[in-house]
Each structure stands twice: as structure tokens, then as C-alpha cells.
Amino acid sequence: MYNIIPLLLILVCLLVIIIVIARKFSLLSNLDIDNIPQEKEGRFKEKIAGNRIKKGIFSQTGKIGNKTGVIFKKISHWGRNCYNRLSSLKKSYEQELSSREEKKDNRLEILWEEVENLNSKENFEEMENKLIEIIGLDSKNSFAFEKLGNLYFENKRYDEAKETYEYLLNLLGEGEEDRQAKVYFYLAWTDTEREKYVEAFSNIKKALSISPHNPRYLDIMVEIAIMLKDKKGAREYLETLKEVNPENQKIGKFEKQIEEL
């Protein structure tokens, strides 16, 4: 749109020039040249016409140029004002955003400190509210979700714990495989308490696929296999458990339970 404006101005200028030329030629017909010698008549008439046309053209184009300059000056002034206003608004927004971030960081620090000083069982509701507030300020804070899931588990609110752990998995990405394995372990443990042994088996198997020699994961896997009456699977996982954690005090108990299957 801005590229059309100069073109329109040029066309207007040309139109004015044509009109001026037409007017000047009409004025030439009214000139009194009876007293001019015959031999100078043609040259003088041509000179008068040329001078008047030239003067008229420069006069009109000068006026147009002046008006155009005023218009462009106003447009330029308006543009500078808009730019300055936008720059000021951007700066104000960035300062406000920075201030908000600083306040948020300070509030998060205070909340985490308060959470760490609370007992998960004696102060369940207060701790839950503070963790939810942390999540409200930082919706992708995986550590807050992990803490909240553990809080629910410790207070035997297993359905809420499971939902929280499952959401936590969605927040964990590449490079966080160890944490993913731990969350699968939490889910398996939660499913065991809910007596959902098939789901528990699936989750602990995922944990072991990431960390196959983790003694905690192997321990609960043997328990789940026994619950599912999977004698062969229980023996295999128990043998691995003996290799990585021979001091596990539950080995004797597991062997007896497997023999009874």
C-alpha cells in the first residue's frame, strides 16, 4: 500500500502539468504582438510561451512539492511517534514480565522451603495445597508432580497417586530415562496396593527395561510374579536379584513362596 502513494503523487503532478500547459497556451492567443516587428514575431512568441510555461510548471510543481513534503513530514512524524510508542510499550511489557518472573521465582522458593518443613502425614492438606500452588505457578515442574504423587501414595490415596504419576510420565523426556524408570516403579507399587497385579507387572517390566539390574525393581517384580502365580518368571527374576543383591533379606521368603506355587 505504501509503494502506491508515491506513484499516485507522480500521476497527480503530471496531470497538473498538463493542465498548466493547456492554460498557458490559451493565454498566448490573447497576447498583443501587433507592435512587434514581423521578423521577431515568431521568436518572441516562442520565448514568451516557453518562459511562461516553464515558470508556471515550476510554480505549480513547487507548490505540489511543498504540499507533498508537508504530507510526508506529517507521515514521517506519525511513524516516529508510533515507533517510539511501540518501543516504550515493549520495554514496559518486558519490565513487567521480568518483575512477574522474579516474584514467581521468589514465591516458588518460599513454597518449596515450606513443603520441605511439613510432615506428609500430619500436614497432608497443607502440603497438598502448597504443591498444587507450585504446579499452578510452574505447570511443567516434574519434581512437584513427583512429590505430590508420593504424598498421595503415603496417605493411601492410590487412585490419585496413579493419576499423578501417569501425568508425570508425560513431562519426562529424552535424557530422563532413570526418572522414567523410577516413575514406572512408583506405578507398579501403586498398582500392587490396588491389587491390580497385571498392570503392576506391565509397569515394573518397563522400569526393568530401562534399569535391568536395579535391586528395588527386581524385588517388587518377584513379588508381583508370585502374586500372578508365574512360577517360572518369579524364579528367573529371583536369580537376577541374588546376583545383584545377595544380601537381600527377602530372598529366603521368596524362595519358599515360589516353591508353594
C-alpha atoms as a PDB file:
ATOM      1  CA  MET A   1       0.000   0.000   0.000  1.00  0.00           C
ATOM      2  CA  TYR A   2       2.853   2.366   0.927  1.00  0.00           C
ATOM      3  CA  ASN A   3       4.508   1.789  -2.501  1.00  0.00           C
ATOM      4  CA  ILE A   4       1.370   3.071  -4.322  1.00  0.00           C
ATOM      5  CA  ILE A   5       1.398   6.519  -2.612  1.00  0.00           C
ATOM      6  CA  PRO A   6       4.496   7.893  -4.473  1.00  0.00           C
ATOM      7  CA  LEU A   7       3.118   6.630  -7.803  1.00  0.00           C
ATOM      8  CA  LEU A   8      -0.200   8.388  -7.200  1.00  0.00           C
ATOM      9  CA  LEU A   9       1.623  11.619  -6.332  1.00  0.00           C
ATOM     10  CA  ILE A  10       3.639  11.419  -9.593  1.00  0.00           C
ATOM     11  CA  LEU A  11       0.452  10.883 -11.621  1.00  0.00           C
ATOM     12  CA  VAL A  12      -1.190  13.871  -9.916  1.00  0.00           C
ATOM     13  CA  CYS A  13       1.854  16.013 -10.705  1.00  0.00           C
ATOM     14  CA  LEU A  14       1.760  15.016 -14.391  1.00  0.00           C
ATOM     15  CA  LEU A  15      -1.937  15.810 -14.556  1.00  0.00           C
ATOM     16  CA  VAL A  16      -1.367  19.267 -13.068  1.00  0.00           C
ATOM     17  CA  ILE A  17       1.496  19.940 -15.530  1.00  0.00           C
ATOM     18  CA  ILE A  18      -0.746  19.060 -18.481  1.00  0.00           C
ATOM     19  CA  ILE A  19      -3.482  21.378 -17.195  1.00  0.00           C
ATOM     20  CA  VAL A  20      -0.998  24.213 -16.674  1.00  0.00           C
ATOM     21  CA  ILE A  21       0.437  23.805 -20.177  1.00  0.00           C
ATOM     22  CA  ALA A  22      -3.060  23.875 -21.672  1.00  0.00           C
ATOM     23  CA  ARG A  23      -3.854  27.080 -19.765  1.00  0.00           C
ATOM     24  CA  LYS A  24      -0.630  28.790 -20.794  1.00  0.00           C
ATOM     25  CA  PHE A  25      -1.180  28.036 -24.462  1.00  0.00           C
ATOM     26  CA  SER A  26      -4.697  29.513 -24.242  1.00  0.00           C
ATOM     27  CA  LEU A  27      -3.221  32.701 -22.746  1.00  0.00           C
ATOM     28  CA  LEU A  28      -0.776  33.045 -25.664  1.00  0.00           C
ATOM     29  CA  SER A  29      -3.652  33.609 -28.072  1.00  0.00           C
ATOM     30  CA  ASN A  30      -4.560  36.805 -26.148  1.00  0.00           C
ATOM     31  CA  LEU A  31      -1.077  38.348 -26.342  1.00  0.00           C
ATOM     32  CA  ASP A  32      -0.885  41.730 -28.153  1.00  0.00           C
ATOM     33  CA  ILE A  33       2.024  41.331 -30.574  1.00  0.00           C
ATOM     34  CA  ASP A  34       0.844  43.814 -33.261  1.00  0.00           C
ATOM     35  CA  ASN A  35       3.649  46.224 -32.370  1.00  0.00           C
ATOM     36  CA  ILE A  36       6.369  43.556 -32.560  1.00  0.00           C
ATOM     37  CA  PRO A  37       8.385  43.595 -35.794  1.00  0.00           C
ATOM     38  CA  GLN A  38       7.396  40.888 -38.205  1.00  0.00           C
ATOM     39  CA  GLU A  39      10.837  39.281 -38.287  1.00  0.00           C
ATOM     40  CA  LYS A  40      10.911  38.921 -34.453  1.00  0.00           C
ATOM     41  CA  GLU A  41       7.324  37.856 -34.009  1.00  0.00           C
ATOM     42  CA  GLY A  42       7.871  34.107 -34.205  1.00  0.00           C
ATOM     43  CA  ARG A  43      10.992  34.064 -31.992  1.00  0.00           C
ATOM     44  CA  PHE A  44       9.456  36.406 -29.363  1.00  0.00           C
ATOM     45  CA  LYS A  45       6.186  34.488 -29.224  1.00  0.00           C
ATOM     46  CA  GLU A  46       8.098  31.245 -28.774  1.00  0.00           C
ATOM     47  CA  LYS A  47      10.219  32.788 -25.976  1.00  0.00           C
ATOM     48  CA  ILE A  48       7.209  34.156 -24.132  1.00  0.00           C
ATOM     49  CA  ALA A  49       5.405  30.838 -24.368  1.00  0.00           C
ATOM     50  CA  GLY A  50       8.476  28.909 -23.207  1.00  0.00           C
ATOM     51  CA  ASN A  51       9.192  31.199 -20.251  1.00  0.00           C
ATOM     52  CA  ARG A  52       5.603  31.327 -19.074  1.00  0.00           C
ATOM     53  CA  ILE A  53       5.169  27.580 -19.408  1.00  0.00           C
ATOM     54  CA  LYS A  54       8.449  26.947 -17.577  1.00  0.00           C
ATOM     55  CA  LYS A  55       7.572  29.417 -14.845  1.00  0.00           C
ATOM     56  CA  GLY A  56       4.089  28.004 -14.486  1.00  0.00           C
ATOM     57  CA  ILE A  57       5.346  24.450 -14.334  1.00  0.00           C
ATOM     58  CA  PHE A  58       7.962  25.183 -11.671  1.00  0.00           C
ATOM     59  CA  SER A  59       5.492  27.276  -9.747  1.00  0.00           C
ATOM     60  CA  GLN A  60       2.862  24.537  -9.696  1.00  0.00           C
ATOM     61  CA  THR A  61       5.287  21.692  -9.137  1.00  0.00           C
ATOM     62  CA  GLY A  62       6.884  23.725  -6.355  1.00  0.00           C
ATOM     63  CA  LYS A  63       3.508  24.080  -4.666  1.00  0.00           C
ATOM     64  CA  ILE A  64       2.850  20.390  -5.146  1.00  0.00           C
ATOM     65  CA  GLY A  65       6.325  19.584  -3.852  1.00  0.00           C
ATOM     66  CA  ASN A  66       5.740  21.750  -0.799  1.00  0.00           C
ATOM     67  CA  LYS A  67       2.385  20.122  -0.100  1.00  0.00           C
ATOM     68  CA  THR A  68       3.830  16.660  -0.702  1.00  0.00           C
ATOM     69  CA  GLY A  69       6.733  17.477   1.612  1.00  0.00           C
ATOM     70  CA  VAL A  70       4.314  18.560   4.333  1.00  0.00           C
ATOM     71  CA  ILE A  71       2.321  15.337   3.890  1.00  0.00           C
ATOM     72  CA  PHE A  72       5.438  13.170   4.016  1.00  0.00           C
ATOM     73  CA  LYS A  73       6.695  15.140   7.004  1.00  0.00           C
ATOM     74  CA  LYS A  74       3.438  14.507   8.851  1.00  0.00           C
ATOM     75  CA  ILE A  75       3.513  10.824   7.900  1.00  0.00           C
ATOM     76  CA  SER A  76       7.135  10.563   8.999  1.00  0.00           C
ATOM     77  CA  HIS A  77       6.332  12.312  12.287  1.00  0.00           C
ATOM     78  CA  TRP A  78       3.377   9.986  12.876  1.00  0.00           C
ATOM     79  CA  GLY A  79       5.536   6.956  12.064  1.00  0.00           C
ATOM     80  CA  ARG A  80       8.224   8.037  14.510  1.00  0.00           C
ATOM     81  CA  ASN A  81       5.608   8.594  17.210  1.00  0.00           C
ATOM     82  CA  CYS A  82       4.138   5.137  16.587  1.00  0.00           C
ATOM     83  CA  TYR A  83       7.591   3.525  16.680  1.00  0.00           C
ATOM     84  CA  ASN A  84       8.515   5.334  19.901  1.00  0.00           C
ATOM     85  CA  ARG A  85       5.191   4.384  21.458  1.00  0.00           C
ATOM     86  CA  LEU A  86       5.587   0.731  20.493  1.00  0.00           C
ATOM     87  CA  SER A  87       9.168   0.689  21.768  1.00  0.00           C
ATOM     88  CA  SER A  88       8.008   2.161  25.060  1.00  0.00           C
ATOM     89  CA  LEU A  89       5.204  -0.388  25.365  1.00  0.00           C
ATOM     90  CA  LYS A  90       7.606  -3.236  24.574  1.00  0.00           C
ATOM     91  CA  LYS A  91      10.050  -2.029  27.203  1.00  0.00           C
ATOM     92  CA  SER A  92       7.256  -1.684  29.785  1.00  0.00           C
ATOM     93  CA  TYR A  93       5.974  -5.180  28.976  1.00  0.00           C
ATOM     94  CA  GLU A  94       9.456  -6.695  29.261  1.00  0.00           C
ATOM     95  CA  GLN A  95       9.991  -4.964  32.616  1.00  0.00           C
ATOM     96  CA  GLU A  96       6.598  -6.157  33.876  1.00  0.00           C
ATOM     97  CA  LEU A  97       7.311  -9.693  32.640  1.00  0.00           C
ATOM     98  CA  SER A  98      10.705  -9.674  34.336  1.00  0.00           C
ATOM     99  CA  SER A  99       9.107  -8.438  37.556  1.00  0.00           C
ATOM    100  CA  ARG A 100       6.471 -11.183  37.389  1.00  0.00           C
ATOM    101  CA  GLU A 101       9.115 -13.849  36.813  1.00  0.00           C
ATOM    102  CA  GLU A 102      11.124 -12.570  39.757  1.00  0.00           C
ATOM    103  CA  LYS A 103       8.061 -12.608  42.015  1.00  0.00           C
ATOM    104  CA  LYS A 104       7.157 -16.100  40.796  1.00  0.00           C
ATOM    105  CA  ASP A 105      10.664 -17.421  41.453  1.00  0.00           C
ATOM    106  CA  ASN A 106      10.622 -15.929  44.955  1.00  0.00           C
ATOM    107  CA  ARG A 107       7.214 -17.454  45.679  1.00  0.00           C
ATOM    108  CA  LEU A 108       8.321 -20.870  44.393  1.00  0.00           C
ATOM    109  CA  GLU A 109      11.393 -20.779  46.603  1.00  0.00           C
ATOM    110  CA  ILE A 110       9.274 -19.967  49.654  1.00  0.00           C
ATOM    111  CA  LEU A 111       6.734 -22.703  48.851  1.00  0.00           C
ATOM    112  CA  TRP A 112       9.417 -25.388  48.392  1.00  0.00           C
ATOM    113  CA  GLU A 113      11.008 -24.431  51.683  1.00  0.00           C
ATOM    114  CA  GLU A 114       7.632 -24.690  53.424  1.00  0.00           C
ATOM    115  CA  VAL A 115       6.895 -28.066  51.799  1.00  0.00           C
ATOM    116  CA  GLU A 116      10.219 -29.486  52.958  1.00  0.00           C
ATOM    117  CA  ASN A 117       9.397 -28.492  56.538  1.00  0.00           C
ATOM    118  CA  LEU A 118       5.998 -30.233  56.559  1.00  0.00           C
ATOM    119  CA  ASN A 119       5.215 -33.793  57.572  1.00  0.00           C
ATOM    120  CA  SER A 120       3.466 -35.610  54.725  1.00  0.00           C
ATOM    121  CA  LYS A 121       1.027 -37.376  57.040  1.00  0.00           C
ATOM    122  CA  GLU A 122       0.461 -34.853  59.799  1.00  0.00           C
ATOM    123  CA  ASN A 123       0.136 -31.915  57.382  1.00  0.00           C
ATOM    124  CA  PHE A 124      -1.355 -33.658  54.362  1.00  0.00           C
ATOM    125  CA  GLU A 125      -3.842 -30.970  53.275  1.00  0.00           C
ATOM    126  CA  GLU A 126      -1.444 -28.081  53.813  1.00  0.00           C
ATOM    127  CA  MET A 127       1.307 -29.874  51.919  1.00  0.00           C
ATOM    128  CA  GLU A 128      -1.078 -30.829  49.109  1.00  0.00           C
ATOM    129  CA  ASN A 129      -2.247 -27.203  48.754  1.00  0.00           C
ATOM    130  CA  LYS A 130       1.310 -25.888  48.587  1.00  0.00           C
ATOM    131  CA  LEU A 131       2.331 -28.450  45.967  1.00  0.00           C
ATOM    132  CA  ILE A 132      -0.741 -27.625  43.900  1.00  0.00           C
ATOM    133  CA  GLU A 133       0.148 -23.927  44.153  1.00  0.00           C
ATOM    134  CA  ILE A 134       3.673 -24.731  42.937  1.00  0.00           C
ATOM    135  CA  ILE A 135       2.206 -26.603  39.967  1.00  0.00           C
ATOM    136  CA  GLY A 136      -0.104 -23.655  39.311  1.00  0.00           C
ATOM    137  CA  LEU A 137       2.925 -21.357  39.072  1.00  0.00           C
ATOM    138  CA  ASP A 138       5.011 -23.867  37.131  1.00  0.00           C
ATOM    139  CA  SER A 139       2.820 -26.376  35.302  1.00  0.00           C
ATOM    140  CA  LYS A 140       5.800 -28.369  33.996  1.00  0.00           C
ATOM    141  CA  ASN A 141       7.558 -28.803  37.314  1.00  0.00           C
ATOM    142  CA  SER A 142       8.076 -32.577  37.273  1.00  0.00           C
ATOM    143  CA  PHE A 143       9.544 -32.609  40.786  1.00  0.00           C
ATOM    144  CA  ALA A 144       6.359 -31.062  42.195  1.00  0.00           C
ATOM    145  CA  PHE A 145       4.276 -33.765  40.489  1.00  0.00           C
ATOM    146  CA  GLU A 146       6.596 -36.471  41.836  1.00  0.00           C
ATOM    147  CA  LYS A 147       6.336 -35.052  45.343  1.00  0.00           C
ATOM    148  CA  LEU A 148       2.557 -34.824  45.048  1.00  0.00           C
ATOM    149  CA  GLY A 149       2.279 -38.414  43.782  1.00  0.00           C
ATOM    150  CA  ASN A 150       4.394 -39.652  46.684  1.00  0.00           C
ATOM    151  CA  LEU A 151       2.231 -37.635  49.090  1.00  0.00           C
ATOM    152  CA  TYR A 152      -0.903 -39.359  47.808  1.00  0.00           C
ATOM    153  CA  PHE A 153       0.770 -42.780  47.968  1.00  0.00           C
ATOM    154  CA  GLU A 154       1.978 -42.292  51.537  1.00  0.00           C
ATOM    155  CA  ASN A 155      -1.552 -41.340  52.561  1.00  0.00           C
ATOM    156  CA  LYS A 156      -3.023 -44.378  50.748  1.00  0.00           C
ATOM    157  CA  ARG A 157      -4.839 -42.305  48.152  1.00  0.00           C
ATOM    158  CA  TYR A 158      -3.733 -44.685  45.452  1.00  0.00           C
ATOM    159  CA  ASP A 159      -6.067 -43.630  42.643  1.00  0.00           C
ATOM    160  CA  GLU A 160      -4.860 -40.024  42.907  1.00  0.00           C
ATOM    161  CA  ALA A 161      -1.273 -41.206  43.169  1.00  0.00           C
ATOM    162  CA  LYS A 162      -1.641 -43.240  39.977  1.00  0.00           C
ATOM    163  CA  GLU A 163      -3.138 -40.308  38.049  1.00  0.00           C
ATOM    164  CA  THR A 164      -0.349 -38.027  39.232  1.00  0.00           C
ATOM    165  CA  TYR A 165       2.412 -40.498  38.292  1.00  0.00           C
ATOM    166  CA  GLU A 166       0.891 -41.071  34.857  1.00  0.00           C
ATOM    167  CA  TYR A 167       0.800 -37.325  34.217  1.00  0.00           C
ATOM    168  CA  LEU A 168       4.380 -37.064  35.444  1.00  0.00           C
ATOM    169  CA  LEU A 169       5.488 -39.531  32.755  1.00  0.00           C
ATOM    170  CA  ASN A 170       4.224 -37.122  30.083  1.00  0.00           C
ATOM    171  CA  LEU A 171       6.508 -34.406  31.441  1.00  0.00           C
ATOM    172  CA  LEU A 172       9.660 -36.507  31.327  1.00  0.00           C
ATOM    173  CA  GLY A 173      11.557 -36.606  28.063  1.00  0.00           C
ATOM    174  CA  GLU A 174      14.820 -37.579  26.457  1.00  0.00           C
ATOM    175  CA  GLY A 175      17.717 -37.819  28.891  1.00  0.00           C
ATOM    176  CA  GLU A 176      15.458 -38.560  31.850  1.00  0.00           C
ATOM    177  CA  GLU A 177      15.257 -42.333  31.428  1.00  0.00           C
ATOM    178  CA  ASP A 178      16.307 -43.045  35.023  1.00  0.00           C
ATOM    179  CA  ARG A 179      13.473 -40.887  36.328  1.00  0.00           C
ATOM    180  CA  GLN A 180      11.056 -42.582  33.934  1.00  0.00           C
ATOM    181  CA  ALA A 181      12.093 -45.951  35.317  1.00  0.00           C
ATOM    182  CA  LYS A 182      11.506 -44.685  38.848  1.00  0.00           C
ATOM    183  CA  VAL A 183       8.016 -43.469  37.959  1.00  0.00           C
ATOM    184  CA  TYR A 184       7.182 -46.864  36.413  1.00  0.00           C
ATOM    185  CA  PHE A 185       8.352 -48.374  39.694  1.00  0.00           C
ATOM    186  CA  TYR A 186       6.036 -45.995  41.604  1.00  0.00           C
ATOM    187  CA  LEU A 187       3.157 -47.014  39.342  1.00  0.00           C
ATOM    188  CA  ALA A 188       3.884 -50.721  39.844  1.00  0.00           C
ATOM    189  CA  TRP A 189       3.990 -50.245  43.582  1.00  0.00           C
ATOM    190  CA  THR A 190       0.729 -48.266  43.487  1.00  0.00           C
ATOM    191  CA  ASP A 191      -0.937 -50.934  41.310  1.00  0.00           C
ATOM    192  CA  THR A 192       0.191 -53.623  43.762  1.00  0.00           C
ATOM    193  CA  GLU A 193      -1.504 -51.758  46.608  1.00  0.00           C
ATOM    194  CA  ARG A 194      -4.610 -51.512  44.430  1.00  0.00           C
ATOM    195  CA  GLU A 195      -4.311 -55.273  43.767  1.00  0.00           C
ATOM    196  CA  LYS A 196      -4.020 -54.594  40.035  1.00  0.00           C
ATOM    197  CA  TYR A 197      -1.206 -57.092  39.514  1.00  0.00           C
ATOM    198  CA  VAL A 198      -1.363 -57.291  35.719  1.00  0.00           C
ATOM    199  CA  GLU A 199      -0.950 -53.511  35.463  1.00  0.00           C
ATOM    200  CA  ALA A 200       1.762 -53.650  38.108  1.00  0.00           C
ATOM    201  CA  PHE A 201       3.644 -56.327  36.126  1.00  0.00           C
ATOM    202  CA  SER A 202       3.476 -54.214  32.953  1.00  0.00           C
ATOM    203  CA  ASN A 203       4.814 -51.121  34.697  1.00  0.00           C
ATOM    204  CA  ILE A 204       7.664 -52.811  36.568  1.00  0.00           C
ATOM    205  CA  LYS A 205       8.691 -54.561  33.349  1.00  0.00           C
ATOM    206  CA  LYS A 206       9.047 -51.126  31.725  1.00  0.00           C
ATOM    207  CA  ALA A 207      11.174 -49.984  34.656  1.00  0.00           C
ATOM    208  CA  LEU A 208      13.437 -53.030  34.307  1.00  0.00           C
ATOM    209  CA  SER A 209      13.769 -52.487  30.551  1.00  0.00           C
ATOM    210  CA  ILE A 210      15.464 -49.188  31.420  1.00  0.00           C
ATOM    211  CA  SER A 211      17.360 -50.338  34.505  1.00  0.00           C
ATOM    212  CA  PRO A 212      17.527 -54.182  34.429  1.00  0.00           C
ATOM    213  CA  HIS A 213      19.790 -54.594  37.483  1.00  0.00           C
ATOM    214  CA  ASN A 214      18.064 -52.279  39.916  1.00  0.00           C
ATOM    215  CA  PRO A 215      17.515 -54.336  43.123  1.00  0.00           C
ATOM    216  CA  ARG A 216      14.348 -52.415  44.121  1.00  0.00           C
ATOM    217  CA  TYR A 217      12.742 -53.071  40.763  1.00  0.00           C
ATOM    218  CA  LEU A 218      13.742 -56.751  40.837  1.00  0.00           C
ATOM    219  CA  ASP A 219      12.430 -57.102  44.388  1.00  0.00           C
ATOM    220  CA  ILE A 220       8.932 -55.905  43.516  1.00  0.00           C
ATOM    221  CA  MET A 221       8.978 -57.846  40.241  1.00  0.00           C
ATOM    222  CA  VAL A 222       9.495 -61.109  42.147  1.00  0.00           C
ATOM    223  CA  GLU A 223       6.584 -60.194  44.446  1.00  0.00           C
ATOM    224  CA  ILE A 224       4.296 -59.397  41.501  1.00  0.00           C
ATOM    225  CA  ALA A 225       5.257 -62.595  39.668  1.00  0.00           C
ATOM    226  CA  ILE A 226       4.385 -64.576  42.803  1.00  0.00           C
ATOM    227  CA  MET A 227       1.030 -62.760  43.049  1.00  0.00           C
ATOM    228  CA  LEU A 228       0.343 -63.704  39.427  1.00  0.00           C
ATOM    229  CA  LYS A 229       1.441 -67.304  40.183  1.00  0.00           C
ATOM    230  CA  ASP A 230       4.094 -67.038  37.487  1.00  0.00           C
ATOM    231  CA  LYS A 231       6.474 -69.611  38.963  1.00  0.00           C
ATOM    232  CA  LYS A 232       8.939 -69.587  36.069  1.00  0.00           C
ATOM    233  CA  GLY A 233       9.106 -65.813  35.849  1.00  0.00           C
ATOM    234  CA  ALA A 234       9.439 -65.474  39.624  1.00  0.00           C
ATOM    235  CA  ARG A 235      12.428 -67.868  39.646  1.00  0.00           C
ATOM    236  CA  GLU A 236      14.181 -66.043  36.800  1.00  0.00           C
ATOM    237  CA  TYR A 237      13.835 -62.639  38.422  1.00  0.00           C
ATOM    238  CA  LEU A 238      14.838 -64.053  41.804  1.00  0.00           C
ATOM    239  CA  GLU A 239      18.064 -65.424  40.329  1.00  0.00           C
ATOM    240  CA  THR A 240      18.889 -61.988  38.936  1.00  0.00           C
ATOM    241  CA  LEU A 241      18.070 -60.445  42.304  1.00  0.00           C
ATOM    242  CA  LYS A 242      20.501 -62.860  44.023  1.00  0.00           C
ATOM    243  CA  GLU A 243      23.250 -61.744  41.648  1.00  0.00           C
ATOM    244  CA  VAL A 244      22.820 -58.011  42.107  1.00  0.00           C
ATOM    245  CA  ASN A 245      21.736 -58.008  45.771  1.00  0.00           C
ATOM    246  CA  PRO A 246      22.726 -61.250  47.523  1.00  0.00           C
ATOM    247  CA  GLU A 247      22.208 -59.650  50.950  1.00  0.00           C
ATOM    248  CA  ASN A 248      18.510 -59.068  50.349  1.00  0.00           C
ATOM    249  CA  GLN A 249      16.777 -60.473  53.426  1.00  0.00           C
ATOM    250  CA  LYS A 250      13.642 -61.355  51.456  1.00  0.00           C
ATOM    251  CA  ILE A 251      15.399 -63.942  49.238  1.00  0.00           C
ATOM    252  CA  GLY A 252      14.630 -66.857  51.584  1.00  0.00           C
ATOM    253  CA  LYS A 253      10.997 -65.794  51.856  1.00  0.00           C
ATOM    254  CA  PHE A 254      10.686 -65.519  48.082  1.00  0.00           C
ATOM    255  CA  GLU A 255      12.175 -68.996  47.545  1.00  0.00           C
ATOM    256  CA  LYS A 256       9.651 -70.529  49.921  1.00  0.00           C
ATOM    257  CA  GLN A 257       6.712 -68.701  48.268  1.00  0.00           C
ATOM    258  CA  ILE A 258       7.838 -69.793  44.797  1.00  0.00           C
ATOM    259  CA  GLU A 259       8.070 -73.461  45.900  1.00  0.00           C
ATOM    260  CA  GLU A 260       4.493 -73.253  47.179  1.00  0.00           C
ATOM    261  CA  LEU A 261       3.111 -72.045  43.833  1.00  0.00           C
END
